């Protein structure tokens, strides 16, 4: 978990953040600061990021954004990404001086994914309390999910991501059951050894 009110006190090699149920802007600002400070950050499950405000209101905002293009040649930009991970990447880029060398290096430290790729399946995933929807958004306020907006504006891989996520969760459940069994065995073995040591130490008055 990222600490409240500031950056990490100590660098990890890579921090993997599970973006599910985090608010888009708050999470992006904290990640941007960490990137500028030199921390490598991997953001997974970007399709489950939340945005405050109703779905309809946010959809209109996004559709209004899609209208903004170079009139003479739209290939000149601005480019409008449809995938949630790319939208999140672009939001973070807006909070970083990406045209400077420092900003360019910061952006290279960021990776964002829809779903959880295989190489990060077994990594410890963090949450950011300062950006969590349940702690920052007043109960009863409307919010929407970035994945749904992406689907409405042309993202074509929602079903594929959901299918892969279902498979990952099955594998994860099997892995967790095996891990629980191993932890149980280790605990039992420790308890058995501890009893022997206690008996021996008692002889010497400890």
C-alpha atoms as a PDB file:
ATOM      1  CA  UNK A   1       0.000   0.000   0.000  1.00  0.00           C
ATOM      2  CA  UNK A   2       1.370   3.429  -0.901  1.00  0.00           C
ATOM      3  CA  UNK A   3       1.641   5.602   2.217  1.00  0.00           C
ATOM      4  CA  UNK A   4      -0.813   8.458   2.739  1.00  0.00           C
ATOM      5  CA  UNK A   5       0.041  12.051   1.955  1.00  0.00           C
ATOM      6  CA  UNK A   6       3.225  11.499  -0.011  1.00  0.00           C
ATOM      7  CA  UNK A   7       5.541   9.240  -1.967  1.00  0.00           C
ATOM      8  CA  UNK A   8       7.341   6.085  -0.939  1.00  0.00           C
ATOM      9  CA  UNK A   9       9.995   6.536   1.734  1.00  0.00           C
ATOM     10  CA  UNK A  10      12.032   3.802   0.106  1.00  0.00           C
ATOM     11  CA  UNK A  11      12.215   2.566  -3.475  1.00  0.00           C
ATOM     12  CA  UNK A  12      10.978  -0.843  -4.501  1.00  0.00           C
ATOM     13  CA  UNK A  13      12.383  -2.334  -7.694  1.00  0.00           C
ATOM     14  CA  UNK A  14       8.882  -2.343  -9.240  1.00  0.00           C
ATOM     15  CA  UNK A  15       5.538  -1.471  -7.653  1.00  0.00           C
ATOM     16  CA  UNK A  16       2.521  -3.263  -9.139  1.00  0.00           C
ATOM     17  CA  UNK A  17      -0.750  -1.370  -8.544  1.00  0.00           C
ATOM     18  CA  UNK A  18      -4.146  -3.043  -8.861  1.00  0.00           C
ATOM     19  CA  UNK A  19      -6.215  -0.160 -10.294  1.00  0.00           C
ATOM     20  CA  UNK A  20      -9.608  -1.722  -9.554  1.00  0.00           C
ATOM     21  CA  UNK A  21     -11.968   0.684  -7.709  1.00  0.00           C
ATOM     22  CA  UNK A  22      -9.482   3.582  -7.737  1.00  0.00           C
ATOM     23  CA  UNK A  23     -10.486   7.046  -8.926  1.00  0.00           C
ATOM     24  CA  UNK A  24      -8.845   7.960 -12.233  1.00  0.00           C
ATOM     25  CA  UNK A  25      -7.430  11.424 -11.499  1.00  0.00           C
ATOM     26  CA  UNK A  26      -6.351  10.770  -7.919  1.00  0.00           C
ATOM     27  CA  UNK A  27      -4.535   7.567  -8.848  1.00  0.00           C
ATOM     28  CA  UNK A  28      -2.902   9.202 -11.877  1.00  0.00           C
ATOM     29  CA  UNK A  29      -1.534  12.127  -9.822  1.00  0.00           C
ATOM     30  CA  UNK A  30       0.028   9.815  -7.208  1.00  0.00           C
ATOM     31  CA  UNK A  31       1.525   7.536  -9.894  1.00  0.00           C
ATOM     32  CA  UNK A  32       2.874  10.571 -11.801  1.00  0.00           C
ATOM     33  CA  UNK A  33       4.680  11.826  -8.681  1.00  0.00           C
ATOM     34  CA  UNK A  34       6.192   8.402  -8.010  1.00  0.00           C
ATOM     35  CA  UNK A  35       7.415   8.166 -11.624  1.00  0.00           C
ATOM     36  CA  UNK A  36       9.077  11.582 -11.388  1.00  0.00           C
ATOM     37  CA  UNK A  37      10.743  10.481  -8.144  1.00  0.00           C
ATOM     38  CA  UNK A  38      12.305   7.499  -9.947  1.00  0.00           C
ATOM     39  CA  UNK A  39       9.961   4.654  -8.967  1.00  0.00           C
ATOM     40  CA  UNK A  40       9.026   2.032 -11.578  1.00  0.00           C
ATOM     41  CA  UNK A  41       5.257   1.477 -11.590  1.00  0.00           C
ATOM     42  CA  UNK A  42       3.124  -1.189 -13.281  1.00  0.00           C
ATOM     43  CA  UNK A  43      -0.651  -0.567 -13.336  1.00  0.00           C
ATOM     44  CA  UNK A  44      -2.890  -3.598 -13.913  1.00  0.00           C
ATOM     45  CA  UNK A  45      -6.683  -3.985 -14.336  1.00  0.00           C
ATOM     46  CA  UNK A  46      -7.032  -0.472 -15.808  1.00  0.00           C
ATOM     47  CA  UNK A  47     -10.461  -1.406 -17.189  1.00  0.00           C
ATOM     48  CA  UNK A  48     -11.830  -1.396 -13.597  1.00  0.00           C
ATOM     49  CA  UNK A  49     -10.741   2.188 -12.797  1.00  0.00           C
ATOM     50  CA  UNK A  50     -13.622   4.375 -11.571  1.00  0.00           C
ATOM     51  CA  UNK A  51     -14.464   7.941 -12.595  1.00  0.00           C
ATOM     52  CA  UNK A  52     -16.639  10.179 -10.397  1.00  0.00           C
ATOM     53  CA  UNK A  53     -19.827  11.417 -12.054  1.00  0.00           C
ATOM     54  CA  UNK A  54     -22.546   9.496 -13.866  1.00  0.00           C
ATOM     55  CA  UNK A  55     -21.803   7.268 -16.844  1.00  0.00           C
ATOM     56  CA  UNK A  56     -23.867   9.399 -19.228  1.00  0.00           C
ATOM     57  CA  UNK A  57     -22.107  12.629 -18.231  1.00  0.00           C
ATOM     58  CA  UNK A  58     -18.652  11.085 -18.661  1.00  0.00           C
ATOM     59  CA  UNK A  59     -19.605   9.461 -21.957  1.00  0.00           C
ATOM     60  CA  UNK A  60     -20.623  12.886 -23.321  1.00  0.00           C
ATOM     61  CA  UNK A  61     -17.259  14.310 -22.177  1.00  0.00           C
ATOM     62  CA  UNK A  62     -15.354  11.555 -23.969  1.00  0.00           C
ATOM     63  CA  UNK A  63     -17.450  11.892 -27.146  1.00  0.00           C
ATOM     64  CA  UNK A  64     -16.807  15.647 -27.104  1.00  0.00           C
ATOM     65  CA  UNK A  65     -13.074  14.916 -26.852  1.00  0.00           C
ATOM     66  CA  UNK A  66     -13.235  12.564 -29.855  1.00  0.00           C
ATOM     67  CA  UNK A  67     -14.470  15.481 -31.995  1.00  0.00           C
ATOM     68  CA  UNK A  68     -11.220  17.357 -31.426  1.00  0.00           C
ATOM     69  CA  UNK A  69      -8.898  16.563 -34.320  1.00  0.00           C
ATOM     70  CA  UNK A  70      -6.818  18.214 -37.028  1.00  0.00           C
ATOM     71  CA  UNK A  71      -9.386  19.318 -39.574  1.00  0.00           C
ATOM     72  CA  UNK A  72      -7.134  19.158 -42.630  1.00  0.00           C
ATOM     73  CA  UNK A  73      -5.535  15.818 -41.738  1.00  0.00           C
ATOM     74  CA  UNK A  74      -6.748  13.830 -38.685  1.00  0.00           C
ATOM     75  CA  UNK A  75      -3.624  11.633 -38.922  1.00  0.00           C
ATOM     76  CA  UNK A  76      -1.702  14.612 -37.499  1.00  0.00           C
ATOM     77  CA  UNK A  77      -3.487  14.151 -34.154  1.00  0.00           C
ATOM     78  CA  UNK A  78      -4.521  14.573 -31.420  1.00  0.00           C
ATOM     79  CA  UNK A  79      -4.751  10.788 -31.076  1.00  0.00           C
ATOM     80  CA  UNK A  80      -7.652   9.401 -29.068  1.00  0.00           C
ATOM     81  CA  UNK A  81      -6.919   6.023 -27.521  1.00  0.00           C
ATOM     82  CA  UNK A  82      -9.810   3.661 -26.855  1.00  0.00           C
ATOM     83  CA  UNK A  83      -8.242   1.056 -24.547  1.00  0.00           C
ATOM     84  CA  UNK A  84      -8.539   1.832 -20.777  1.00  0.00           C
ATOM     85  CA  UNK A  85      -4.816   1.267 -20.223  1.00  0.00           C
ATOM     86  CA  UNK A  86      -3.947   3.774 -22.964  1.00  0.00           C
ATOM     87  CA  UNK A  87      -6.465   6.327 -21.646  1.00  0.00           C
ATOM     88  CA  UNK A  88      -4.911   6.001 -18.163  1.00  0.00           C
ATOM     89  CA  UNK A  89      -1.415   6.301 -19.682  1.00  0.00           C
ATOM     90  CA  UNK A  90      -2.488   9.509 -21.432  1.00  0.00           C
ATOM     91  CA  UNK A  91      -3.978  10.959 -18.205  1.00  0.00           C
ATOM     92  CA  UNK A  92      -0.666  10.344 -16.404  1.00  0.00           C
ATOM     93  CA  UNK A  93       1.250  11.879 -19.335  1.00  0.00           C
ATOM     94  CA  UNK A  94      -0.768  15.058 -18.875  1.00  0.00           C
ATOM     95  CA  UNK A  95       0.554  15.340 -15.307  1.00  0.00           C
ATOM     96  CA  UNK A  96       4.211  14.964 -16.320  1.00  0.00           C
ATOM     97  CA  UNK A  97       6.444  17.385 -18.293  1.00  0.00           C
ATOM     98  CA  UNK A  98       6.789  14.636 -20.915  1.00  0.00           C
ATOM     99  CA  UNK A  99       8.623  16.792 -23.477  1.00  0.00           C
ATOM    100  CA  UNK A 100      11.634  17.285 -21.175  1.00  0.00           C
ATOM    101  CA  UNK A 101      14.328  14.654 -20.641  1.00  0.00           C
ATOM    102  CA  UNK A 102      13.225  14.190 -17.017  1.00  0.00           C
ATOM    103  CA  UNK A 103       9.604  13.667 -18.044  1.00  0.00           C
ATOM    104  CA  UNK A 104      10.525  11.311 -20.882  1.00  0.00           C
ATOM    105  CA  UNK A 105      12.555   9.153 -18.466  1.00  0.00           C
ATOM    106  CA  UNK A 106       9.600   9.178 -16.010  1.00  0.00           C
ATOM    107  CA  UNK A 107       7.169   7.943 -18.688  1.00  0.00           C
ATOM    108  CA  UNK A 108       9.548   5.094 -19.540  1.00  0.00           C
ATOM    109  CA  UNK A 109       9.156   3.844 -15.949  1.00  0.00           C
ATOM    110  CA  UNK A 110       5.404   3.371 -16.419  1.00  0.00           C
ATOM    111  CA  UNK A 111       3.559   0.295 -17.714  1.00  0.00           C
ATOM    112  CA  UNK A 112      -0.233   0.042 -17.874  1.00  0.00           C
ATOM    113  CA  UNK A 113      -2.266  -3.065 -18.736  1.00  0.00           C
ATOM    114  CA  UNK A 114      -5.866  -4.158 -19.215  1.00  0.00           C
ATOM    115  CA  UNK A 115      -6.360  -7.266 -17.068  1.00  0.00           C
ATOM    116  CA  UNK A 116      -3.345  -8.842 -15.377  1.00  0.00           C
ATOM    117  CA  UNK A 117      -0.617 -10.183 -17.717  1.00  0.00           C
ATOM    118  CA  UNK A 118       0.930 -13.545 -16.894  1.00  0.00           C
ATOM    119  CA  UNK A 119       4.263 -12.079 -15.735  1.00  0.00           C
ATOM    120  CA  UNK A 120       2.484 -10.087 -12.981  1.00  0.00           C
ATOM    121  CA  UNK A 121      -0.009 -12.783 -11.919  1.00  0.00           C
ATOM    122  CA  UNK A 122       1.956 -13.828  -8.846  1.00  0.00           C
ATOM    123  CA  UNK A 123       3.377 -10.395  -7.999  1.00  0.00           C
ATOM    124  CA  UNK A 124       2.241  -8.628  -4.848  1.00  0.00           C
ATOM    125  CA  UNK A 125      -0.334  -6.050  -5.931  1.00  0.00           C
ATOM    126  CA  UNK A 126      -0.679  -2.755  -4.057  1.00  0.00           C
ATOM    127  CA  UNK A 127      -3.578  -0.363  -3.552  1.00  0.00           C
ATOM    128  CA  UNK A 128      -3.435   3.407  -3.013  1.00  0.00           C
ATOM    129  CA  UNK A 129      -5.651   4.452  -0.047  1.00  0.00           C
ATOM    130  CA  UNK A 130      -5.597   8.135  -1.079  1.00  0.00           C
ATOM    131  CA  UNK A 131      -7.126   7.241  -4.450  1.00  0.00           C
ATOM    132  CA  UNK A 132      -9.557   4.498  -3.368  1.00  0.00           C
ATOM    133  CA  UNK A 133     -13.159   5.210  -4.341  1.00  0.00           C
ATOM    134  CA  UNK A 134     -14.649   3.901  -1.086  1.00  0.00           C
ATOM    135  CA  UNK A 135     -12.506   6.275   0.982  1.00  0.00           C
ATOM    136  CA  UNK A 136     -12.579   9.357  -1.264  1.00  0.00           C
ATOM    137  CA  UNK A 137     -16.067   9.456  -2.809  1.00  0.00           C
ATOM    138  CA  UNK A 138     -19.081  10.301  -0.657  1.00  0.00           C
ATOM    139  CA  UNK A 139     -21.507   7.335  -0.386  1.00  0.00           C
ATOM    140  CA  UNK A 140     -24.439   7.758  -2.757  1.00  0.00           C
ATOM    141  CA  UNK A 141     -22.489   9.809  -5.291  1.00  0.00           C
ATOM    142  CA  UNK A 142     -22.553   8.556  -8.853  1.00  0.00           C
ATOM    143  CA  UNK A 143     -19.526   7.020 -10.507  1.00  0.00           C
ATOM    144  CA  UNK A 144     -18.786   4.970 -13.615  1.00  0.00           C
ATOM    145  CA  UNK A 145     -16.231   2.419 -14.802  1.00  0.00           C
ATOM    146  CA  UNK A 146     -13.581   3.291 -17.393  1.00  0.00           C
ATOM    147  CA  UNK A 147     -13.957  -0.077 -19.175  1.00  0.00           C
ATOM    148  CA  UNK A 148     -17.604   0.647 -19.978  1.00  0.00           C
ATOM    149  CA  UNK A 149     -16.795   4.080 -21.411  1.00  0.00           C
ATOM    150  CA  UNK A 150     -13.997   2.550 -23.511  1.00  0.00           C
ATOM    151  CA  UNK A 151     -16.444  -0.005 -24.889  1.00  0.00           C
ATOM    152  CA  UNK A 152     -18.843   2.783 -25.887  1.00  0.00           C
ATOM    153  CA  UNK A 153     -16.160   4.774 -27.726  1.00  0.00           C
ATOM    154  CA  UNK A 154     -14.691   1.883 -29.710  1.00  0.00           C
ATOM    155  CA  UNK A 155     -12.591  -0.478 -27.520  1.00  0.00           C
ATOM    156  CA  UNK A 156     -12.901  -3.935 -29.098  1.00  0.00           C
ATOM    157  CA  UNK A 157     -11.174  -6.224 -26.610  1.00  0.00           C
ATOM    158  CA  UNK A 158     -13.439  -6.149 -23.537  1.00  0.00           C
ATOM    159  CA  UNK A 159     -14.685  -9.728 -24.067  1.00  0.00           C
ATOM    160  CA  UNK A 160     -11.157 -11.058 -24.642  1.00  0.00           C
ATOM    161  CA  UNK A 161      -9.890  -9.389 -21.447  1.00  0.00           C
ATOM    162  CA  UNK A 162     -12.853 -10.760 -19.447  1.00  0.00           C
ATOM    163  CA  UNK A 163     -12.246 -14.274 -20.805  1.00  0.00           C
ATOM    164  CA  UNK A 164      -8.532 -14.155 -19.931  1.00  0.00           C
ATOM    165  CA  UNK A 165      -9.314 -12.723 -16.485  1.00  0.00           C
ATOM    166  CA  UNK A 166     -11.751 -15.599 -15.781  1.00  0.00           C
ATOM    167  CA  UNK A 167      -9.011 -18.111 -16.646  1.00  0.00           C
ATOM    168  CA  UNK A 168      -6.513 -16.224 -14.479  1.00  0.00           C
ATOM    169  CA  UNK A 169      -8.904 -16.277 -11.514  1.00  0.00           C
ATOM    170  CA  UNK A 170      -9.323 -20.048 -11.864  1.00  0.00           C
ATOM    171  CA  UNK A 171      -5.534 -20.509 -11.857  1.00  0.00           C
ATOM    172  CA  UNK A 172      -5.248 -18.112  -8.946  1.00  0.00           C
ATOM    173  CA  UNK A 173      -7.815 -20.069  -6.880  1.00  0.00           C
ATOM    174  CA  UNK A 174      -5.879 -23.342  -7.439  1.00  0.00           C
ATOM    175  CA  UNK A 175      -2.575 -21.608  -6.542  1.00  0.00           C
ATOM    176  CA  UNK A 176      -4.097 -20.144  -3.352  1.00  0.00           C
ATOM    177  CA  UNK A 177      -5.468 -23.529  -2.193  1.00  0.00           C
ATOM    178  CA  UNK A 178      -2.029 -25.109  -2.717  1.00  0.00           C
ATOM    179  CA  UNK A 179      -0.353 -22.232  -0.881  1.00  0.00           C
ATOM    180  CA  UNK A 180      -2.800 -22.517   2.042  1.00  0.00           C
ATOM    181  CA  UNK A 181      -2.054 -26.252   2.319  1.00  0.00           C
ATOM    182  CA  UNK A 182       1.703 -25.555   2.346  1.00  0.00           C
ATOM    183  CA  UNK A 183       1.331 -22.813   4.968  1.00  0.00           C
ATOM    184  CA  UNK A 184      -0.755 -25.168   7.124  1.00  0.00           C
ATOM    185  CA  UNK A 185       1.932 -27.868   6.936  1.00  0.00           C
ATOM    186  CA  UNK A 186       4.685 -25.360   7.765  1.00  0.00           C
ATOM    187  CA  UNK A 187       2.716 -24.059  10.761  1.00  0.00           C
ATOM    188  CA  UNK A 188       2.118 -27.591  12.079  1.00  0.00           C
ATOM    189  CA  UNK A 189       5.807 -28.464  11.664  1.00  0.00           C
ATOM    190  CA  UNK A 190       6.869 -25.277  13.501  1.00  0.00           C
ATOM    191  CA  UNK A 191       4.473 -26.022  16.344  1.00  0.00           C
ATOM    192  CA  UNK A 192       5.821 -29.602  16.684  1.00  0.00           C
ATOM    193  CA  UNK A 193       9.444 -28.392  16.771  1.00  0.00           C
ATOM    194  CA  UNK A 194       8.589 -25.558  19.192  1.00  0.00           C
ATOM    195  CA  UNK A 195       7.146 -28.057  21.720  1.00  0.00           C
ATOM    196  CA  UNK A 196      10.402 -30.037  21.658  1.00  0.00           C
ATOM    197  CA  UNK A 197      12.513 -26.922  22.219  1.00  0.00           C
ATOM    198  CA  UNK A 198      10.240 -25.721  25.032  1.00  0.00           C
ATOM    199  CA  UNK A 199      10.689 -29.032  26.833  1.00  0.00           C
ATOM    200  CA  UNK A 200      14.495 -28.873  26.460  1.00  0.00           C
ATOM    201  CA  UNK A 201      14.677 -25.219  27.569  1.00  0.00           C
ATOM    202  CA  UNK A 202      12.485 -25.996  30.598  1.00  0.00           C
ATOM    203  CA  UNK A 203      15.141 -28.460  31.814  1.00  0.00           C
ATOM    204  CA  UNK A 204      17.654 -25.607  31.971  1.00  0.00           C
ATOM    205  CA  UNK A 205      15.220 -23.275  33.710  1.00  0.00           C
ATOM    206  CA  UNK A 206      14.277 -21.063  30.770  1.00  0.00           C
END
